[in-house]
Amino acid sequence: MSFIIRKALFTDVTAIVQLERAHVDDELSGSDNQLHAHSFTKSEVGQLINQHWFMVAEVQGQIIGYVMAARWSFFSAQPLYRHIIQKIKFAELAGQALSTTNSCQYGPVWIQESKRGQGVFAALVSELKKQVNTSFPFMVTYVAADNARSLAAHQQKAAMTQIDQFRFEQRDYCLLATSTADVIS
């Protein structure tokens, strides 16, 4: 499969919001029917595109995946992210202390199910790291501890390292970080 990775454009907002809604619906249909992040509004996606980092994967004009990163201030009103921000104050990666000033929140990332396992994830994250690297040396994310496939993808295809574990609203999570200089080809 041939695909391109590019920066999201404001004209992509409607398609991204539809994909985000489908992604949230998929997560809610899981075994525990819990979701601790929220689905982005058109306004929020527009803000992410214009003020943060948002990459899309495209095949023949159709968006088949996306990944984004944002400054911590974008997420700071949400309880889960406030909890993560507190955890970061005591975290480090490769001997370097992490903070809200030297890292950003990475994710979510979503790939159309039929396109998974074809290099889209690694290509999206690699391009995102290149874009973020000029502003932050680190990206931090969280993955549900029971999501073995996502953990493996982040560790193997995005060069992410587990730096902590935490529990939030009766669900366990792994806190992961990566250097934006670590681009996997």
Foldseek 3Di string as FASTA:
>chain_A
DDKDKDWDDLVCLVVVLVVLVVVLVVVCVDDVSDDQDDRDDSVLVNCQSVPFTKMFIDDPRHTFKIKGKDQLVSVCVRPVSVVVQVVLQPWDDPPHRGHSQQEIEIDDIDGHPVCPPPCPLLVRLLVRLVVCLVRHQKYKYKDFPPCVVVVCCCVPRNVKDFTDWDADPRTIMTMIMDTSVDRDD
